[in-house]
N, C-alpha and C. Protein backbone atom coordinates (compact mmCIF):
# COMPACT_ATOMS: atom_id res chain seq x y z
N MET A 1 -18.08 14.80 -3.30
CA MET A 1 -17.89 14.68 -1.87
C MET A 1 -16.67 15.51 -1.46
N PRO A 2 -16.76 16.23 -0.34
CA PRO A 2 -15.64 17.07 0.09
C PRO A 2 -14.44 16.25 0.52
N ASP A 3 -13.29 16.85 0.36
CA ASP A 3 -12.04 16.21 0.80
C ASP A 3 -12.02 16.16 2.32
N ARG A 4 -11.86 14.98 2.89
CA ARG A 4 -11.85 14.82 4.34
C ARG A 4 -10.44 14.66 4.89
N THR A 5 -9.44 14.98 4.10
CA THR A 5 -8.05 14.87 4.53
C THR A 5 -7.75 15.93 5.60
N VAL A 6 -7.03 15.49 6.63
CA VAL A 6 -6.60 16.39 7.70
C VAL A 6 -5.09 16.32 7.77
N GLU A 7 -4.45 17.49 7.87
CA GLU A 7 -3.00 17.54 7.99
C GLU A 7 -2.64 18.28 9.27
N LEU A 8 -1.65 17.74 9.97
CA LEU A 8 -1.17 18.34 11.21
C LEU A 8 0.35 18.45 11.11
N ARG A 9 0.86 19.63 11.41
CA ARG A 9 2.31 19.85 11.46
C ARG A 9 2.68 20.28 12.88
N ILE A 10 3.67 19.60 13.43
CA ILE A 10 4.15 19.93 14.77
C ILE A 10 5.68 19.93 14.74
N PRO A 11 6.31 20.64 15.68
CA PRO A 11 7.77 20.56 15.75
C PRO A 11 8.21 19.12 16.02
N ALA A 12 9.36 18.77 15.49
CA ALA A 12 9.89 17.40 15.67
C ALA A 12 10.46 17.26 17.07
N SER A 13 9.54 17.14 18.02
CA SER A 13 9.89 17.00 19.43
C SER A 13 8.84 16.11 20.08
N SER A 14 9.29 15.23 20.96
CA SER A 14 8.35 14.33 21.63
C SER A 14 7.34 15.09 22.49
N ALA A 15 7.66 16.31 22.88
CA ALA A 15 6.75 17.10 23.70
C ALA A 15 5.44 17.39 22.98
N TYR A 16 5.43 17.33 21.66
CA TYR A 16 4.23 17.66 20.88
C TYR A 16 3.46 16.43 20.40
N LEU A 17 3.95 15.24 20.70
CA LEU A 17 3.29 14.03 20.19
C LEU A 17 1.88 13.84 20.72
N VAL A 18 1.56 14.43 21.86
CA VAL A 18 0.20 14.34 22.38
C VAL A 18 -0.80 14.92 21.37
N LEU A 19 -0.40 15.93 20.63
CA LEU A 19 -1.28 16.51 19.61
C LEU A 19 -1.55 15.52 18.49
N ALA A 20 -0.53 14.79 18.09
CA ALA A 20 -0.71 13.78 17.03
C ALA A 20 -1.59 12.64 17.52
N ARG A 21 -1.39 12.21 18.76
CA ARG A 21 -2.22 11.14 19.31
C ARG A 21 -3.68 11.58 19.41
N THR A 22 -3.91 12.82 19.78
CA THR A 22 -5.27 13.35 19.88
C THR A 22 -5.93 13.45 18.52
N ALA A 23 -5.19 13.93 17.53
CA ALA A 23 -5.73 14.01 16.16
C ALA A 23 -6.06 12.62 15.63
N THR A 24 -5.20 11.66 15.92
CA THR A 24 -5.44 10.28 15.50
C THR A 24 -6.72 9.74 16.12
N ALA A 25 -6.89 9.97 17.40
CA ALA A 25 -8.10 9.50 18.09
C ALA A 25 -9.34 10.15 17.48
N ALA A 26 -9.27 11.43 17.19
CA ALA A 26 -10.42 12.13 16.60
C ALA A 26 -10.78 11.56 15.23
N MET A 27 -9.77 11.30 14.40
CA MET A 27 -10.05 10.75 13.07
C MET A 27 -10.64 9.35 13.18
N CYS A 28 -10.11 8.53 14.05
CA CYS A 28 -10.63 7.17 14.23
C CYS A 28 -12.05 7.21 14.77
N ALA A 29 -12.33 8.12 15.68
CA ALA A 29 -13.68 8.24 16.23
C ALA A 29 -14.67 8.65 15.15
N ARG A 30 -14.26 9.56 14.26
CA ARG A 30 -15.14 9.97 13.15
C ARG A 30 -15.49 8.80 12.25
N LEU A 31 -14.56 7.85 12.13
CA LEU A 31 -14.79 6.68 11.29
C LEU A 31 -15.39 5.51 12.07
N GLU A 32 -15.75 5.76 13.32
CA GLU A 32 -16.42 4.78 14.18
C GLU A 32 -15.58 3.55 14.48
N PHE A 33 -14.28 3.75 14.67
CA PHE A 33 -13.42 2.67 15.13
C PHE A 33 -13.81 2.35 16.57
N SER A 34 -13.64 1.10 16.97
CA SER A 34 -13.88 0.74 18.37
C SER A 34 -12.82 1.42 19.24
N VAL A 35 -13.09 1.51 20.52
CA VAL A 35 -12.13 2.13 21.43
C VAL A 35 -10.81 1.36 21.43
N ASP A 36 -10.87 0.03 21.43
CA ASP A 36 -9.64 -0.77 21.40
C ASP A 36 -8.85 -0.51 20.12
N ARG A 37 -9.54 -0.46 18.99
CA ARG A 37 -8.85 -0.23 17.71
C ARG A 37 -8.29 1.18 17.66
N LEU A 38 -9.04 2.13 18.16
CA LEU A 38 -8.58 3.51 18.22
C LEU A 38 -7.27 3.59 19.02
N ASP A 39 -7.22 2.90 20.14
CA ASP A 39 -5.99 2.89 20.96
C ASP A 39 -4.82 2.27 20.20
N ASP A 40 -5.08 1.19 19.45
CA ASP A 40 -4.03 0.57 18.65
C ASP A 40 -3.46 1.56 17.63
N VAL A 41 -4.34 2.26 16.95
CA VAL A 41 -3.91 3.20 15.90
C VAL A 41 -3.17 4.38 16.52
N ARG A 42 -3.67 4.86 17.63
CA ARG A 42 -3.00 5.98 18.31
C ARG A 42 -1.58 5.56 18.72
N LEU A 43 -1.43 4.35 19.23
CA LEU A 43 -0.11 3.84 19.60
C LEU A 43 0.78 3.68 18.37
N ALA A 44 0.22 3.20 17.28
CA ALA A 44 1.00 3.03 16.05
C ALA A 44 1.51 4.37 15.53
N VAL A 45 0.68 5.37 15.56
CA VAL A 45 1.10 6.70 15.09
C VAL A 45 2.22 7.24 15.98
N ALA A 46 2.08 7.07 17.28
CA ALA A 46 3.13 7.54 18.19
C ALA A 46 4.43 6.77 17.97
N GLU A 47 4.33 5.47 17.72
CA GLU A 47 5.51 4.64 17.47
C GLU A 47 6.21 5.06 16.17
N ALA A 48 5.42 5.29 15.12
CA ALA A 48 6.00 5.72 13.84
C ALA A 48 6.66 7.09 13.98
N ALA A 49 6.03 7.98 14.71
CA ALA A 49 6.61 9.30 14.93
C ALA A 49 7.91 9.20 15.71
N ALA A 50 7.94 8.33 16.70
CA ALA A 50 9.16 8.15 17.49
C ALA A 50 10.30 7.62 16.63
N LEU A 51 9.98 6.74 15.68
CA LEU A 51 11.01 6.24 14.77
C LEU A 51 11.62 7.38 13.95
N LEU A 52 10.80 8.34 13.55
CA LEU A 52 11.31 9.47 12.77
C LEU A 52 12.02 10.50 13.64
N LEU A 53 11.55 10.68 14.85
CA LEU A 53 12.17 11.67 15.74
C LEU A 53 13.64 11.39 16.01
N GLY A 54 14.00 10.13 16.05
CA GLY A 54 15.38 9.76 16.34
C GLY A 54 16.38 10.28 15.33
N ASP A 55 15.94 10.56 14.10
CA ASP A 55 16.85 11.03 13.06
C ASP A 55 16.39 12.35 12.43
N ALA A 56 15.37 12.98 13.03
CA ALA A 56 14.84 14.23 12.46
C ALA A 56 15.86 15.35 12.58
N ARG A 57 15.89 16.20 11.56
CA ARG A 57 16.74 17.39 11.63
C ARG A 57 16.25 18.31 12.74
N SER A 58 17.14 19.08 13.32
CA SER A 58 16.78 19.94 14.47
C SER A 58 15.73 20.99 14.11
N ASP A 59 15.68 21.40 12.85
CA ASP A 59 14.72 22.42 12.42
C ASP A 59 13.47 21.81 11.76
N ALA A 60 13.33 20.50 11.85
CA ALA A 60 12.26 19.81 11.13
C ALA A 60 10.92 19.87 11.87
N ASP A 61 9.88 19.67 11.08
CA ASP A 61 8.54 19.45 11.60
C ASP A 61 8.18 18.00 11.32
N LEU A 62 7.28 17.47 12.12
CA LEU A 62 6.63 16.21 11.79
C LEU A 62 5.32 16.58 11.10
N ARG A 63 5.06 15.95 9.99
CA ARG A 63 3.80 16.21 9.27
C ARG A 63 2.98 14.93 9.26
N PHE A 64 1.77 15.03 9.73
CA PHE A 64 0.84 13.91 9.78
C PHE A 64 -0.29 14.20 8.79
N THR A 65 -0.57 13.26 7.92
CA THR A 65 -1.68 13.39 6.99
C THR A 65 -2.63 12.22 7.23
N PHE A 66 -3.87 12.55 7.52
CA PHE A 66 -4.91 11.55 7.77
C PHE A 66 -5.89 11.62 6.61
N ARG A 67 -5.98 10.54 5.86
CA ARG A 67 -6.82 10.53 4.65
C ARG A 67 -7.78 9.34 4.68
N PRO A 68 -9.06 9.59 5.03
CA PRO A 68 -10.04 8.50 4.96
C PRO A 68 -10.31 8.14 3.51
N ARG A 69 -10.41 6.87 3.22
CA ARG A 69 -10.75 6.43 1.86
C ARG A 69 -12.23 6.66 1.61
N GLU A 70 -12.54 7.08 0.42
CA GLU A 70 -13.93 7.39 0.07
C GLU A 70 -14.82 6.16 0.08
N ASP A 71 -14.27 5.01 -0.29
CA ASP A 71 -15.09 3.82 -0.48
C ASP A 71 -15.17 2.91 0.74
N SER A 72 -14.57 3.31 1.86
CA SER A 72 -14.58 2.45 3.05
C SER A 72 -14.23 3.28 4.27
N ALA A 73 -14.21 2.63 5.40
CA ALA A 73 -13.82 3.29 6.66
C ALA A 73 -12.32 3.22 6.89
N THR A 74 -11.58 2.74 5.91
CA THR A 74 -10.13 2.64 6.06
C THR A 74 -9.51 4.03 6.12
N LEU A 75 -8.51 4.16 6.97
CA LEU A 75 -7.81 5.42 7.14
C LEU A 75 -6.36 5.23 6.74
N ASP A 76 -5.89 6.08 5.83
CA ASP A 76 -4.48 6.09 5.44
C ASP A 76 -3.82 7.25 6.18
N ILE A 77 -2.70 6.94 6.82
CA ILE A 77 -1.98 7.93 7.62
C ILE A 77 -0.54 7.97 7.13
N THR A 78 -0.04 9.17 6.90
CA THR A 78 1.36 9.36 6.53
C THR A 78 2.01 10.25 7.58
N ILE A 79 3.16 9.81 8.06
CA ILE A 79 3.96 10.60 8.99
C ILE A 79 5.28 10.88 8.29
N GLU A 80 5.66 12.15 8.24
CA GLU A 80 6.84 12.54 7.46
C GLU A 80 7.71 13.52 8.24
N ALA A 81 9.02 13.40 8.05
CA ALA A 81 9.97 14.34 8.65
C ALA A 81 11.23 14.41 7.80
N ALA A 82 11.81 15.59 7.74
CA ALA A 82 13.14 15.74 7.14
C ALA A 82 14.14 15.15 8.12
N THR A 83 15.00 14.29 7.61
CA THR A 83 15.92 13.58 8.50
C THR A 83 17.38 13.88 8.16
N VAL A 84 18.25 13.57 9.09
CA VAL A 84 19.68 13.79 8.92
C VAL A 84 20.27 12.80 7.92
N HIS A 85 19.94 11.51 8.08
CA HIS A 85 20.56 10.47 7.27
C HIS A 85 19.72 9.99 6.09
N SER A 86 18.49 10.42 5.98
CA SER A 86 17.61 10.05 4.86
C SER A 86 17.57 8.54 4.64
N GLN A 87 17.30 7.82 5.71
CA GLN A 87 17.20 6.36 5.64
C GLN A 87 15.90 5.91 6.29
N VAL A 88 15.28 4.89 5.71
CA VAL A 88 14.07 4.35 6.33
C VAL A 88 14.46 3.68 7.65
N PRO A 89 13.53 3.66 8.60
CA PRO A 89 13.84 2.99 9.87
C PRO A 89 14.12 1.51 9.63
N PRO A 90 15.02 0.93 10.41
CA PRO A 90 15.32 -0.50 10.24
C PRO A 90 14.08 -1.34 10.54
N HIS A 91 13.90 -2.38 9.73
CA HIS A 91 12.73 -3.24 9.85
C HIS A 91 12.96 -4.42 10.80
N ASP A 92 14.14 -4.53 11.37
CA ASP A 92 14.44 -5.66 12.24
C ASP A 92 14.49 -5.27 13.72
N THR A 93 13.78 -4.20 14.07
CA THR A 93 13.77 -3.75 15.46
C THR A 93 12.44 -4.11 16.13
N PHE A 94 12.45 -4.06 17.45
CA PHE A 94 11.22 -4.30 18.20
C PHE A 94 10.18 -3.23 17.87
N ALA A 95 10.62 -1.99 17.73
CA ALA A 95 9.68 -0.89 17.43
C ALA A 95 8.95 -1.14 16.11
N TRP A 96 9.68 -1.61 15.08
CA TRP A 96 9.05 -1.88 13.79
C TRP A 96 8.08 -3.07 13.91
N THR A 97 8.46 -4.06 14.67
CA THR A 97 7.60 -5.22 14.88
C THR A 97 6.29 -4.81 15.55
N VAL A 98 6.39 -3.98 16.57
CA VAL A 98 5.18 -3.48 17.25
C VAL A 98 4.33 -2.69 16.26
N LEU A 99 4.95 -1.82 15.50
CA LEU A 99 4.22 -0.99 14.53
C LEU A 99 3.46 -1.86 13.54
N THR A 100 4.11 -2.85 12.98
CA THR A 100 3.45 -3.69 11.98
C THR A 100 2.35 -4.55 12.57
N ALA A 101 2.42 -4.84 13.86
CA ALA A 101 1.37 -5.64 14.51
C ALA A 101 0.12 -4.82 14.78
N LEU A 102 0.24 -3.51 14.82
CA LEU A 102 -0.88 -2.65 15.20
C LEU A 102 -1.73 -2.16 14.03
N VAL A 103 -1.21 -2.24 12.81
CA VAL A 103 -1.92 -1.70 11.66
C VAL A 103 -2.07 -2.76 10.58
N ASP A 104 -2.89 -2.46 9.58
CA ASP A 104 -3.10 -3.39 8.48
C ASP A 104 -1.89 -3.46 7.55
N SER A 105 -1.29 -2.29 7.28
CA SER A 105 -0.09 -2.28 6.46
C SER A 105 0.77 -1.07 6.82
N VAL A 106 2.07 -1.23 6.61
CA VAL A 106 3.02 -0.16 6.90
C VAL A 106 4.12 -0.21 5.85
N ALA A 107 4.55 0.96 5.43
CA ALA A 107 5.65 1.06 4.47
C ALA A 107 6.41 2.35 4.77
N ALA A 108 7.68 2.36 4.47
CA ALA A 108 8.51 3.55 4.67
C ALA A 108 9.27 3.84 3.38
N VAL A 109 9.35 5.12 3.04
CA VAL A 109 10.06 5.54 1.83
C VAL A 109 10.87 6.79 2.14
N VAL A 110 11.91 6.98 1.34
CA VAL A 110 12.72 8.19 1.42
C VAL A 110 12.47 8.99 0.15
N ASP A 111 12.27 10.29 0.33
CA ASP A 111 12.03 11.17 -0.82
C ASP A 111 12.66 12.52 -0.54
N ASP A 112 13.71 12.84 -1.26
CA ASP A 112 14.34 14.15 -1.20
C ASP A 112 14.69 14.59 0.23
N GLY A 113 15.32 13.71 0.99
CA GLY A 113 15.77 14.06 2.33
C GLY A 113 14.75 13.87 3.43
N SER A 114 13.55 13.51 3.05
CA SER A 114 12.51 13.25 4.04
C SER A 114 12.17 11.77 4.06
N VAL A 115 11.80 11.29 5.23
CA VAL A 115 11.35 9.91 5.38
C VAL A 115 9.86 9.95 5.67
N ARG A 116 9.13 9.11 4.96
CA ARG A 116 7.68 9.00 5.15
C ARG A 116 7.33 7.59 5.57
N ILE A 117 6.51 7.48 6.58
CA ILE A 117 5.97 6.19 6.99
C ILE A 117 4.47 6.22 6.69
N HIS A 118 4.03 5.26 5.89
CA HIS A 118 2.62 5.16 5.50
C HIS A 118 1.97 4.03 6.29
N LEU A 119 0.86 4.35 6.93
CA LEU A 119 0.08 3.36 7.66
C LEU A 119 -1.30 3.26 7.02
N SER A 120 -1.85 2.09 6.97
CA SER A 120 -3.21 1.89 6.53
C SER A 120 -3.92 1.09 7.61
N VAL A 121 -5.06 1.62 8.05
CA VAL A 121 -5.78 0.98 9.15
C VAL A 121 -7.27 0.94 8.85
N SER A 122 -7.88 -0.17 9.22
CA SER A 122 -9.32 -0.32 9.09
C SER A 122 -9.91 -0.45 10.49
N PRO A 123 -11.22 -0.35 10.61
CA PRO A 123 -11.83 -0.42 11.94
C PRO A 123 -11.65 -1.76 12.64
N THR A 124 -11.36 -2.80 11.89
CA THR A 124 -11.17 -4.11 12.51
C THR A 124 -9.69 -4.41 12.64
N GLU A 125 -9.33 -5.15 13.66
CA GLU A 125 -7.93 -5.49 13.91
C GLU A 125 -7.42 -6.44 12.83
N PRO A 126 -6.15 -6.28 12.43
CA PRO A 126 -5.59 -7.20 11.45
C PRO A 126 -5.44 -8.61 12.02
N VAL A 127 -5.54 -9.58 11.14
CA VAL A 127 -5.39 -10.98 11.56
C VAL A 127 -3.89 -11.26 11.69
N PRO A 128 -3.43 -11.79 12.83
CA PRO A 128 -2.00 -12.09 12.99
C PRO A 128 -1.54 -13.12 11.96
N VAL A 129 -0.32 -12.94 11.50
CA VAL A 129 0.24 -13.86 10.50
C VAL A 129 1.14 -14.85 11.19
């Protein structure tokens, strides 16, 4: 089966986030997410990108990787940027709370000066805890 991974690189500026939201919507539509779920995922991607933009280096790009799982309709999304402080976003903020409520799982890691936020989303909404 062919690799269905899609990668998007944009300048680390909020002016370009519309491209990431559009790519997110397209990937979710290909996987037959409902319109409500698609909107949730699009918002989550924008929120994760905003968390990285606050500390992104001035010359950085935001890199979005959309990887559908072969065995299901689940979509794994990674948002990455080179940052000034190389720290994961704080988990005790309203933004992080919103992000975790919109997706099935979220994790953030630091690797060689870049911060990556990993999202995993399925076509159905997560059950609130």
